[in-house]
């Protein structure tokens, strides 16, 4: 594999959720830290295998969200996303992640673990299923962040101290449940319109669970977009903007996108994915850890609000 040109696969079993954190050896942690550093300092993405989140739990979230997305528009509108709450239903073509393109051909339901008051009453199991999934994502995210400190040669609690409020308030970490609708021949697709425009993520890391349909592309070190082909039983993990700022560009927040498939059969398929966006605590001041001041200090909440206002 050419470094930075393809997305590597890392076996995370030594520190996955099926492993007691006290049982992992320092040599295994160092190997994981080195592997993540190599991936995140080049292409910015990695596939994690043996992470510990079971496929049944992922399927449960997709299933309850399918029920919600199938509801009539007037019912879904009761749970519409707003800038104030940052949660709820994002209608098709509401968001434009690349302002130079027409709005994205997708819809989503966003959940802030401690803030969402918009769980759909029409799908009674929605809240419980999603909250259990979020708890597992949080636990895995904190383990990944801990391993990353090893590769970066930082104190082991460096990132954890700025993510203490996930699921407890004062933190905007979110689960986004995405649905890319089928695009039959009679769909009115505007020139330049895609399923998800070119963008980088906003926070520290993102956990992405994608179905087998595919379509995601990632910009590699040659600035060429390459497919992030779905790999069964893996999670795709990538770096966000705040992590790149924190590390003075040592780790890369990579541009990525979801285009409209060229094949007619793929166009007619629904594409599904789940994205767990890990954000530092709202009041966390993100400064270059090496003291370089390459980026001006900014709080996590201020940066998030700036990016969301541009997209919506």
C-alpha atoms as a PDB file:
ATOM      1  CA  UNK A   1       0.000   0.000   0.000  1.00  0.00           C
ATOM      2  CA  UNK A   2       1.295   3.456  -0.926  1.00  0.00           C
ATOM      3  CA  UNK A   3       1.302   5.694   2.146  1.00  0.00           C
ATOM      4  CA  UNK A   4      -1.305   8.410   1.970  1.00  0.00           C
ATOM      5  CA  UNK A   5      -2.772   7.173  -1.306  1.00  0.00           C
ATOM      6  CA  UNK A   6      -5.019   4.416   0.027  1.00  0.00           C
ATOM      7  CA  UNK A   7      -6.891   4.060   3.304  1.00  0.00           C
ATOM      8  CA  UNK A   8      -5.196   1.509   5.580  1.00  0.00           C
ATOM      9  CA  UNK A   9      -6.970  -1.116   7.699  1.00  0.00           C
ATOM     10  CA  UNK A  10      -5.941  -1.482  11.358  1.00  0.00           C
ATOM     11  CA  UNK A  11      -6.922  -4.307  13.694  1.00  0.00           C
ATOM     12  CA  UNK A  12      -8.101  -2.502  16.844  1.00  0.00           C
ATOM     13  CA  UNK A  13      -8.764  -5.686  18.849  1.00  0.00           C
ATOM     14  CA  UNK A  14      -6.027  -4.997  21.455  1.00  0.00           C
ATOM     15  CA  UNK A  15      -8.021  -1.943  22.635  1.00  0.00           C
ATOM     16  CA  UNK A  16     -11.478  -2.612  21.166  1.00  0.00           C
ATOM     17  CA  UNK A  17     -14.585  -2.560  23.312  1.00  0.00           C
ATOM     18  CA  UNK A  18     -14.440  -6.334  23.762  1.00  0.00           C
ATOM     19  CA  UNK A  19     -11.110  -5.949  25.599  1.00  0.00           C
ATOM     20  CA  UNK A  20     -10.706  -4.855  29.206  1.00  0.00           C
ATOM     21  CA  UNK A  21      -8.741  -1.591  29.054  1.00  0.00           C
ATOM     22  CA  UNK A  22      -6.579  -2.824  31.938  1.00  0.00           C
ATOM     23  CA  UNK A  23      -5.493  -5.938  30.030  1.00  0.00           C
ATOM     24  CA  UNK A  24      -3.842  -4.275  27.031  1.00  0.00           C
ATOM     25  CA  UNK A  25      -0.046  -4.248  26.862  1.00  0.00           C
ATOM     26  CA  UNK A  26       2.009  -1.109  26.349  1.00  0.00           C
ATOM     27  CA  UNK A  27       3.582  -2.630  23.248  1.00  0.00           C
ATOM     28  CA  UNK A  28       0.149  -3.215  21.699  1.00  0.00           C
ATOM     29  CA  UNK A  29      -0.912   0.340  22.508  1.00  0.00           C
ATOM     30  CA  UNK A  30       2.288   1.699  21.002  1.00  0.00           C
ATOM     31  CA  UNK A  31       1.734  -0.285  17.813  1.00  0.00           C
ATOM     32  CA  UNK A  32      -1.839   1.009  17.554  1.00  0.00           C
ATOM     33  CA  UNK A  33      -0.691   4.565  18.264  1.00  0.00           C
ATOM     34  CA  UNK A  34       1.967   4.365  15.571  1.00  0.00           C
ATOM     35  CA  UNK A  35      -0.504   2.915  13.072  1.00  0.00           C
ATOM     36  CA  UNK A  36      -3.125   5.574  13.680  1.00  0.00           C
ATOM     37  CA  UNK A  37      -0.516   8.318  13.527  1.00  0.00           C
ATOM     38  CA  UNK A  38       0.736   7.076  10.168  1.00  0.00           C
ATOM     39  CA  UNK A  39      -2.775   7.022   8.732  1.00  0.00           C
ATOM     40  CA  UNK A  40      -3.968  10.300  10.231  1.00  0.00           C
ATOM     41  CA  UNK A  41      -0.815  12.221   9.310  1.00  0.00           C
ATOM     42  CA  UNK A  42      -1.148  11.254   5.643  1.00  0.00           C
ATOM     43  CA  UNK A  43      -4.582  10.434   4.213  1.00  0.00           C
ATOM     44  CA  UNK A  44      -6.446  11.309   7.423  1.00  0.00           C
ATOM     45  CA  UNK A  45      -8.674   8.209   7.323  1.00  0.00           C
ATOM     46  CA  UNK A  46      -8.398   4.636   8.601  1.00  0.00           C
ATOM     47  CA  UNK A  47     -10.586   1.525   8.649  1.00  0.00           C
ATOM     48  CA  UNK A  48     -10.796  -0.034  12.119  1.00  0.00           C
ATOM     49  CA  UNK A  49     -11.496  -3.753  12.375  1.00  0.00           C
ATOM     50  CA  UNK A  50     -12.477  -5.557  15.620  1.00  0.00           C
ATOM     51  CA  UNK A  51     -13.615  -2.321  17.236  1.00  0.00           C
ATOM     52  CA  UNK A  52     -16.298  -3.912  19.412  1.00  0.00           C
ATOM     53  CA  UNK A  53     -19.529  -2.325  18.131  1.00  0.00           C
ATOM     54  CA  UNK A  54     -21.653  -5.197  16.879  1.00  0.00           C
ATOM     55  CA  UNK A  55     -23.421  -5.147  13.518  1.00  0.00           C
ATOM     56  CA  UNK A  56     -26.812  -5.835  15.126  1.00  0.00           C
ATOM     57  CA  UNK A  57     -26.622  -2.568  17.027  1.00  0.00           C
ATOM     58  CA  UNK A  58     -25.833  -0.657  13.835  1.00  0.00           C
ATOM     59  CA  UNK A  59     -28.738  -2.401  12.072  1.00  0.00           C
ATOM     60  CA  UNK A  60     -31.109  -1.458  14.899  1.00  0.00           C
ATOM     61  CA  UNK A  61     -30.337   2.250  14.396  1.00  0.00           C
ATOM     62  CA  UNK A  62     -30.835   1.955  10.642  1.00  0.00           C
ATOM     63  CA  UNK A  63     -34.125   0.108  11.152  1.00  0.00           C
ATOM     64  CA  UNK A  64     -35.692   2.653  13.533  1.00  0.00           C
ATOM     65  CA  UNK A  65     -34.527   5.519  11.338  1.00  0.00           C
ATOM     66  CA  UNK A  66     -36.070   3.842   8.280  1.00  0.00           C
ATOM     67  CA  UNK A  67     -39.389   3.994  10.108  1.00  0.00           C
ATOM     68  CA  UNK A  68     -38.898   7.701  10.788  1.00  0.00           C
ATOM     69  CA  UNK A  69     -37.785   8.612   7.264  1.00  0.00           C
ATOM     70  CA  UNK A  70     -40.848   6.814   5.858  1.00  0.00           C
ATOM     71  CA  UNK A  71     -43.220   9.084   7.805  1.00  0.00           C
ATOM     72  CA  UNK A  72     -45.179  11.794   5.954  1.00  0.00           C
ATOM     73  CA  UNK A  73     -43.315  15.081   5.517  1.00  0.00           C
ATOM     74  CA  UNK A  74     -45.767  16.984   7.695  1.00  0.00           C
ATOM     75  CA  UNK A  75     -44.978  14.682  10.620  1.00  0.00           C
ATOM     76  CA  UNK A  76     -41.227  14.812  10.067  1.00  0.00           C
ATOM     77  CA  UNK A  77     -41.434  18.617   9.964  1.00  0.00           C
ATOM     78  CA  UNK A  78     -42.439  18.571  13.638  1.00  0.00           C
ATOM     79  CA  UNK A  79     -38.870  17.490  14.346  1.00  0.00           C
ATOM     80  CA  UNK A  80     -37.096  19.905  11.992  1.00  0.00           C
ATOM     81  CA  UNK A  81     -33.446  20.793  12.642  1.00  0.00           C
ATOM     82  CA  UNK A  82     -32.652  24.301  13.857  1.00  0.00           C
ATOM     83  CA  UNK A  83     -29.438  26.214  14.463  1.00  0.00           C
ATOM     84  CA  UNK A  84     -30.487  26.793  18.058  1.00  0.00           C
ATOM     85  CA  UNK A  85     -30.842  23.123  18.991  1.00  0.00           C
ATOM     86  CA  UNK A  86     -28.589  21.549  16.312  1.00  0.00           C
ATOM     87  CA  UNK A  87     -30.733  18.423  16.390  1.00  0.00           C
ATOM     88  CA  UNK A  88     -33.661  16.919  14.540  1.00  0.00           C
ATOM     89  CA  UNK A  89     -34.574  16.274  10.907  1.00  0.00           C
ATOM     90  CA  UNK A  90     -32.531  17.927   8.163  1.00  0.00           C
ATOM     91  CA  UNK A  91     -34.767  18.008   5.105  1.00  0.00           C
ATOM     92  CA  UNK A  92     -33.508  17.008   1.648  1.00  0.00           C
ATOM     93  CA  UNK A  93     -31.542  19.827  -0.009  1.00  0.00           C
ATOM     94  CA  UNK A  94     -31.470  21.861   3.219  1.00  0.00           C
ATOM     95  CA  UNK A  95     -27.696  21.591   3.706  1.00  0.00           C
ATOM     96  CA  UNK A  96     -24.922  22.537   1.291  1.00  0.00           C
ATOM     97  CA  UNK A  97     -21.550  21.281   2.495  1.00  0.00           C
ATOM     98  CA  UNK A  98     -19.859  22.720  -0.585  1.00  0.00           C
ATOM     99  CA  UNK A  99     -21.396  26.190  -1.130  1.00  0.00           C
ATOM    100  CA  UNK A 100     -20.128  26.157  -4.722  1.00  0.00           C
ATOM    101  CA  UNK A 101     -22.557  23.332  -5.539  1.00  0.00           C
ATOM    102  CA  UNK A 102     -26.363  23.110  -5.306  1.00  0.00           C
ATOM    103  CA  UNK A 103     -27.688  21.759  -2.003  1.00  0.00           C
ATOM    104  CA  UNK A 104     -26.938  18.131  -1.103  1.00  0.00           C
ATOM    105  CA  UNK A 105     -29.262  15.299  -2.170  1.00  0.00           C
ATOM    106  CA  UNK A 106     -29.647  13.761   1.269  1.00  0.00           C
ATOM    107  CA  UNK A 107     -31.675  13.937   4.472  1.00  0.00           C
ATOM    108  CA  UNK A 108     -30.613  13.192   8.028  1.00  0.00           C
ATOM    109  CA  UNK A 109     -31.643  13.081  11.659  1.00  0.00           C
ATOM    110  CA  UNK A 110     -29.148  14.652  14.067  1.00  0.00           C
ATOM    111  CA  UNK A 111     -28.959  13.702  17.737  1.00  0.00           C
ATOM    112  CA  UNK A 112     -27.099  15.623  20.448  1.00  0.00           C
ATOM    113  CA  UNK A 113     -26.937  12.966  23.193  1.00  0.00           C
ATOM    114  CA  UNK A 114     -27.912  15.297  26.050  1.00  0.00           C
ATOM    115  CA  UNK A 115     -29.779  17.932  24.116  1.00  0.00           C
ATOM    116  CA  UNK A 116     -32.137  16.181  21.725  1.00  0.00           C
ATOM    117  CA  UNK A 117     -35.716  16.844  22.724  1.00  0.00           C
ATOM    118  CA  UNK A 118     -37.028  15.937  19.308  1.00  0.00           C
ATOM    119  CA  UNK A 119     -37.054  12.140  19.426  1.00  0.00           C
ATOM    120  CA  UNK A 120     -40.030  11.183  17.257  1.00  0.00           C
ATOM    121  CA  UNK A 121     -42.956   9.991  19.325  1.00  0.00           C
ATOM    122  CA  UNK A 122     -44.238   8.128  16.270  1.00  0.00           C
ATOM    123  CA  UNK A 123     -41.264   5.738  16.585  1.00  0.00           C
ATOM    124  CA  UNK A 124     -41.314   4.822  20.300  1.00  0.00           C
ATOM    125  CA  UNK A 125     -38.111   2.735  20.266  1.00  0.00           C
ATOM    126  CA  UNK A 126     -36.096   5.421  18.424  1.00  0.00           C
ATOM    127  CA  UNK A 127     -34.678   7.107  21.517  1.00  0.00           C
ATOM    128  CA  UNK A 128     -33.624   3.969  23.384  1.00  0.00           C
ATOM    129  CA  UNK A 129     -31.973   2.363  20.353  1.00  0.00           C
ATOM    130  CA  UNK A 130     -30.052   5.517  19.464  1.00  0.00           C
ATOM    131  CA  UNK A 131     -28.945   6.299  23.014  1.00  0.00           C
ATOM    132  CA  UNK A 132     -27.539   2.800  23.494  1.00  0.00           C
ATOM    133  CA  UNK A 133     -25.632   3.122  20.227  1.00  0.00           C
ATOM    134  CA  UNK A 134     -24.296   6.559  21.201  1.00  0.00           C
ATOM    135  CA  UNK A 135     -22.986   5.169  24.500  1.00  0.00           C
ATOM    136  CA  UNK A 136     -20.917   2.588  22.628  1.00  0.00           C
ATOM    137  CA  UNK A 137     -19.637   5.176  20.150  1.00  0.00           C
ATOM    138  CA  UNK A 138     -18.595   7.455  22.997  1.00  0.00           C
ATOM    139  CA  UNK A 139     -16.648   4.691  24.720  1.00  0.00           C
ATOM    140  CA  UNK A 140     -14.873   3.691  21.516  1.00  0.00           C
ATOM    141  CA  UNK A 141     -14.105   7.318  20.612  1.00  0.00           C
ATOM    142  CA  UNK A 142     -12.407   7.943  23.948  1.00  0.00           C
ATOM    143  CA  UNK A 143     -10.269   4.837  23.446  1.00  0.00           C
ATOM    144  CA  UNK A 144      -9.259   6.003  19.974  1.00  0.00           C
ATOM    145  CA  UNK A 145      -8.365   9.458  21.308  1.00  0.00           C
ATOM    146  CA  UNK A 146      -6.253   7.872  24.037  1.00  0.00           C
ATOM    147  CA  UNK A 147      -4.351   5.770  21.503  1.00  0.00           C
ATOM    148  CA  UNK A 148      -3.801   8.858  19.358  1.00  0.00           C
ATOM    149  CA  UNK A 149      -1.944  10.588  22.204  1.00  0.00           C
ATOM    150  CA  UNK A 150       0.628   7.782  22.094  1.00  0.00           C
ATOM    151  CA  UNK A 151       1.402   8.376  18.431  1.00  0.00           C
ATOM    152  CA  UNK A 152       1.566  12.119  19.064  1.00  0.00           C
ATOM    153  CA  UNK A 153       3.768  11.651  22.169  1.00  0.00           C
ATOM    154  CA  UNK A 154       1.322  13.538  24.396  1.00  0.00           C
ATOM    155  CA  UNK A 155       0.095  12.848  27.920  1.00  0.00           C
ATOM    156  CA  UNK A 156      -2.394   9.976  27.808  1.00  0.00           C
ATOM    157  CA  UNK A 157      -5.258  12.122  29.128  1.00  0.00           C
ATOM    158  CA  UNK A 158      -4.523  15.098  26.858  1.00  0.00           C
ATOM    159  CA  UNK A 159      -7.634  14.722  24.674  1.00  0.00           C
ATOM    160  CA  UNK A 160      -9.826  13.081  27.324  1.00  0.00           C
ATOM    161  CA  UNK A 161      -9.655  16.178  29.522  1.00  0.00           C
ATOM    162  CA  UNK A 162     -11.327  18.200  26.747  1.00  0.00           C
ATOM    163  CA  UNK A 163     -14.062  15.636  26.057  1.00  0.00           C
ATOM    164  CA  UNK A 164     -15.380  15.120  29.590  1.00  0.00           C
ATOM    165  CA  UNK A 165     -18.888  16.393  28.862  1.00  0.00           C
ATOM    166  CA  UNK A 166     -19.880  14.092  25.993  1.00  0.00           C
ATOM    167  CA  UNK A 167     -23.412  12.850  26.798  1.00  0.00           C
ATOM    168  CA  UNK A 168     -23.546  14.960  29.976  1.00  0.00           C
ATOM    169  CA  UNK A 169     -24.172  18.481  28.652  1.00  0.00           C
ATOM    170  CA  UNK A 170     -21.869  21.284  27.519  1.00  0.00           C
ATOM    171  CA  UNK A 171     -20.708  19.307  24.494  1.00  0.00           C
ATOM    172  CA  UNK A 172     -22.057  19.191  20.915  1.00  0.00           C
ATOM    173  CA  UNK A 173     -20.868  15.687  19.943  1.00  0.00           C
ATOM    174  CA  UNK A 174     -23.591  14.332  17.655  1.00  0.00           C
ATOM    175  CA  UNK A 175     -24.888  11.233  15.941  1.00  0.00           C
ATOM    176  CA  UNK A 176     -26.027  11.962  12.394  1.00  0.00           C
ATOM    177  CA  UNK A 177     -28.266   9.334  10.781  1.00  0.00           C
ATOM    178  CA  UNK A 178     -28.029   9.809   7.025  1.00  0.00           C
ATOM    179  CA  UNK A 179     -30.264   8.734   4.177  1.00  0.00           C
ATOM    180  CA  UNK A 180     -29.371   9.344   0.539  1.00  0.00           C
ATOM    181  CA  UNK A 181     -32.583   8.766  -1.436  1.00  0.00           C
ATOM    182  CA  UNK A 182     -32.745   6.821  -4.698  1.00  0.00           C
ATOM    183  CA  UNK A 183     -32.419   8.911  -7.846  1.00  0.00           C
ATOM    184  CA  UNK A 184     -34.570   7.458 -10.636  1.00  0.00           C
ATOM    185  CA  UNK A 185     -34.277   8.739 -14.193  1.00  0.00           C
ATOM    186  CA  UNK A 186     -36.969  11.404 -13.752  1.00  0.00           C
ATOM    187  CA  UNK A 187     -35.223  13.028 -10.751  1.00  0.00           C
ATOM    188  CA  UNK A 188     -34.520  16.719 -11.282  1.00  0.00           C
ATOM    189  CA  UNK A 189     -30.774  16.863 -10.613  1.00  0.00           C
ATOM    190  CA  UNK A 190     -29.270  20.329 -10.923  1.00  0.00           C
ATOM    191  CA  UNK A 191     -25.936  20.863 -12.723  1.00  0.00           C
ATOM    192  CA  UNK A 192     -23.104  20.107 -10.297  1.00  0.00           C
ATOM    193  CA  UNK A 193     -25.432  18.648  -7.662  1.00  0.00           C
ATOM    194  CA  UNK A 194     -24.160  15.642  -5.683  1.00  0.00           C
ATOM    195  CA  UNK A 195     -25.286  13.552  -2.736  1.00  0.00           C
ATOM    196  CA  UNK A 196     -22.823  15.234  -0.382  1.00  0.00           C
ATOM    197  CA  UNK A 197     -20.522  18.064  -1.418  1.00  0.00           C
ATOM    198  CA  UNK A 198     -16.780  18.265  -0.768  1.00  0.00           C
ATOM    199  CA  UNK A 199     -16.079  19.099   2.855  1.00  0.00           C
ATOM    200  CA  UNK A 200     -13.980  18.363   5.914  1.00  0.00           C
ATOM    201  CA  UNK A 201     -15.478  17.439   9.287  1.00  0.00           C
ATOM    202  CA  UNK A 202     -15.539  19.987  12.072  1.00  0.00           C
ATOM    203  CA  UNK A 203     -14.485  18.254  15.289  1.00  0.00           C
ATOM    204  CA  UNK A 204     -11.719  15.994  16.522  1.00  0.00           C
ATOM    205  CA  UNK A 205     -12.585  12.602  15.007  1.00  0.00           C
ATOM    206  CA  UNK A 206     -15.551  11.037  13.225  1.00  0.00           C
ATOM    207  CA  UNK A 207     -16.711   7.427  13.336  1.00  0.00           C
ATOM    208  CA  UNK A 208     -18.476   6.498  10.090  1.00  0.00           C
ATOM    209  CA  UNK A 209     -20.600   3.380   9.657  1.00  0.00           C
ATOM    210  CA  UNK A 210     -21.508   2.933   5.980  1.00  0.00           C
ATOM    211  CA  UNK A 211     -23.631   0.361   4.206  1.00  0.00           C
ATOM    212  CA  UNK A 212     -22.479  -1.669   1.226  1.00  0.00           C
ATOM    213  CA  UNK A 213     -23.703   0.754  -1.439  1.00  0.00           C
ATOM    214  CA  UNK A 214     -20.581   2.916  -1.371  1.00  0.00           C
ATOM    215  CA  UNK A 215     -20.032   6.288  -3.020  1.00  0.00           C
ATOM    216  CA  UNK A 216     -17.802   8.017  -0.464  1.00  0.00           C
ATOM    217  CA  UNK A 217     -14.578   9.438  -1.874  1.00  0.00           C
ATOM    218  CA  UNK A 218     -11.576  10.757   0.073  1.00  0.00           C
ATOM    219  CA  UNK A 219      -8.880  13.156  -1.125  1.00  0.00           C
ATOM    220  CA  UNK A 220      -5.449  11.524  -0.806  1.00  0.00           C
ATOM    221  CA  UNK A 221      -2.000  13.118  -0.451  1.00  0.00           C
ATOM    222  CA  UNK A 222      -1.872  13.680  -4.213  1.00  0.00           C
ATOM    223  CA  UNK A 223      -5.138  15.659  -3.908  1.00  0.00           C
ATOM    224  CA  UNK A 224      -6.860  12.945  -5.933  1.00  0.00           C
ATOM    225  CA  UNK A 225     -10.237  11.625  -4.782  1.00  0.00           C
ATOM    226  CA  UNK A 226     -10.150   7.867  -4.191  1.00  0.00           C
ATOM    227  CA  UNK A 227     -13.054   5.566  -3.227  1.00  0.00           C
ATOM    228  CA  UNK A 228     -13.541   4.761   0.455  1.00  0.00           C
ATOM    229  CA  UNK A 229     -14.984   1.404  -0.507  1.00  0.00           C
ATOM    230  CA  UNK A 230     -17.073  -0.184   2.265  1.00  0.00           C
ATOM    231  CA  UNK A 231     -15.108  -2.904   4.058  1.00  0.00           C
ATOM    232  CA  UNK A 232     -17.383  -5.338   5.963  1.00  0.00           C
ATOM    233  CA  UNK A 233     -17.238  -5.184   9.770  1.00  0.00           C
ATOM    234  CA  UNK A 234     -15.072  -2.051   9.858  1.00  0.00           C
ATOM    235  CA  UNK A 235     -15.611   1.534  10.981  1.00  0.00           C
ATOM    236  CA  UNK A 236     -14.120   4.345   8.953  1.00  0.00           C
ATOM    237  CA  UNK A 237     -12.463   6.891  11.270  1.00  0.00           C
ATOM    238  CA  UNK A 238     -11.212  10.283  10.154  1.00  0.00           C
ATOM    239  CA  UNK A 239      -9.672  13.451  11.525  1.00  0.00           C
ATOM    240  CA  UNK A 240     -11.685  16.678  11.866  1.00  0.00           C
ATOM    241  CA  UNK A 241     -10.668  20.326  11.595  1.00  0.00           C
ATOM    242  CA  UNK A 242     -10.223  20.973  15.306  1.00  0.00           C
ATOM    243  CA  UNK A 243      -7.796  18.067  15.577  1.00  0.00           C
ATOM    244  CA  UNK A 244      -5.806  19.431  12.645  1.00  0.00           C
ATOM    245  CA  UNK A 245      -5.666  22.845  14.334  1.00  0.00           C
ATOM    246  CA  UNK A 246      -4.726  21.273  17.682  1.00  0.00           C
ATOM    247  CA  UNK A 247      -1.822  19.405  16.078  1.00  0.00           C
ATOM    248  CA  UNK A 248      -0.655  22.299  13.849  1.00  0.00           C
ATOM    249  CA  UNK A 249      -1.411  20.287  10.690  1.00  0.00           C
ATOM    250  CA  UNK A 250       0.449  17.213  11.945  1.00  0.00           C
ATOM    251  CA  UNK A 251      -2.801  15.273  11.527  1.00  0.00           C
ATOM    252  CA  UNK A 252      -4.915  15.892   8.437  1.00  0.00           C
ATOM    253  CA  UNK A 253      -8.587  16.809   8.230  1.00  0.00           C
ATOM    254  CA  UNK A 254      -9.201  15.451   4.754  1.00  0.00           C
ATOM    255  CA  UNK A 255     -11.747  16.621   2.210  1.00  0.00           C
ATOM    256  CA  UNK A 256     -14.324  14.006   1.233  1.00  0.00           C
ATOM    257  CA  UNK A 257     -17.577  13.768  -0.700  1.00  0.00           C
ATOM    258  CA  UNK A 258     -20.364  11.465  -1.930  1.00  0.00           C
ATOM    259  CA  UNK A 259     -21.005  11.735  -5.662  1.00  0.00           C
ATOM    260  CA  UNK A 260     -23.983  10.497  -7.646  1.00  0.00           C
ATOM    261  CA  UNK A 261     -23.182   7.021  -9.000  1.00  0.00           C
ATOM    262  CA  UNK A 262     -22.621   6.712 -12.717  1.00  0.00           C
ATOM    263  CA  UNK A 263     -24.446   3.377 -12.942  1.00  0.00           C
ATOM    264  CA  UNK A 264     -28.228   3.593 -13.189  1.00  0.00           C
ATOM    265  CA  UNK A 265     -28.735   0.616 -10.851  1.00  0.00           C
ATOM    266  CA  UNK A 266     -26.673   2.325  -8.139  1.00  0.00           C
ATOM    267  CA  UNK A 267     -28.580   5.595  -8.603  1.00  0.00           C
ATOM    268  CA  UNK A 268     -31.816   3.792  -7.791  1.00  0.00           C
ATOM    269  CA  UNK A 269     -30.461   2.436  -4.493  1.00  0.00           C
ATOM    270  CA  UNK A 270     -30.861   4.112  -1.138  1.00  0.00           C
ATOM    271  CA  UNK A 271     -27.503   4.776   0.544  1.00  0.00           C
ATOM    272  CA  UNK A 272     -27.365   4.725   4.359  1.00  0.00           C
ATOM    273  CA  UNK A 273     -24.678   5.737   6.828  1.00  0.00           C
ATOM    274  CA  UNK A 274     -24.235   6.748  10.459  1.00  0.00           C
ATOM    275  CA  UNK A 275     -21.703   9.404  11.462  1.00  0.00           C
ATOM    276  CA  UNK A 276     -20.664   9.982  15.068  1.00  0.00           C
ATOM    277  CA  UNK A 277     -19.048  13.422  15.143  1.00  0.00           C
ATOM    278  CA  UNK A 278     -16.802  13.819  18.188  1.00  0.00           C
ATOM    279  CA  UNK A 279     -16.505  17.445  19.307  1.00  0.00           C
ATOM    280  CA  UNK A 280     -14.522  18.809  22.293  1.00  0.00           C
ATOM    281  CA  UNK A 281     -16.442  20.364  25.170  1.00  0.00           C
ATOM    282  CA  UNK A 282     -18.055  23.681  24.230  1.00  0.00           C
ATOM    283  CA  UNK A 283     -15.676  25.774  26.345  1.00  0.00           C
ATOM    284  CA  UNK A 284     -12.516  23.894  25.296  1.00  0.00           C
ATOM    285  CA  UNK A 285     -10.028  26.400  23.884  1.00  0.00           C
ATOM    286  CA  UNK A 286      -8.278  24.806  20.922  1.00  0.00           C
ATOM    287  CA  UNK A 287      -4.684  26.033  20.641  1.00  0.00           C
ATOM    288  CA  UNK A 288      -1.719  24.580  18.759  1.00  0.00           C
ATOM    289  CA  UNK A 289      -0.252  22.079  21.228  1.00  0.00           C
ATOM    290  CA  UNK A 290       3.276  22.722  19.957  1.00  0.00           C
ATOM    291  CA  UNK A 291       3.055  26.426  20.813  1.00  0.00           C
ATOM    292  CA  UNK A 292       3.420  27.467  17.165  1.00  0.00           C
ATOM    293  CA  UNK A 293       0.260  29.618  17.048  1.00  0.00           C
ATOM    294  CA  UNK A 294      -0.233  28.447  13.466  1.00  0.00           C
ATOM    295  CA  UNK A 295      -3.952  28.851  14.117  1.00  0.00           C
ATOM    296  CA  UNK A 296      -5.612  31.442  16.302  1.00  0.00           C
ATOM    297  CA  UNK A 297      -7.136  29.988  19.488  1.00  0.00           C
ATOM    298  CA  UNK A 298     -10.857  29.297  19.234  1.00  0.00           C
ATOM    299  CA  UNK A 299     -13.376  27.483  21.408  1.00  0.00           C
ATOM    300  CA  UNK A 300     -14.920  24.300  20.098  1.00  0.00           C
ATOM    301  CA  UNK A 301     -18.422  25.800  20.174  1.00  0.00           C
ATOM    302  CA  UNK A 302     -17.418  28.962  18.299  1.00  0.00           C
ATOM    303  CA  UNK A 303     -15.747  26.940  15.563  1.00  0.00           C
ATOM    304  CA  UNK A 304     -18.712  24.576  15.235  1.00  0.00           C
ATOM    305  CA  UNK A 305     -21.193  27.449  14.981  1.00  0.00           C
ATOM    306  CA  UNK A 306     -19.051  29.160  12.346  1.00  0.00           C
ATOM    307  CA  UNK A 307     -18.999  26.049  10.148  1.00  0.00           C
ATOM    308  CA  UNK A 308     -22.688  25.236  10.597  1.00  0.00           C
ATOM    309  CA  UNK A 309     -23.755  28.759   9.634  1.00  0.00           C
ATOM    310  CA  UNK A 310     -21.788  28.386   6.402  1.00  0.00           C
ATOM    311  CA  UNK A 311     -23.452  25.048   5.596  1.00  0.00           C
ATOM    312  CA  UNK A 312     -27.022  26.015   6.450  1.00  0.00           C
END
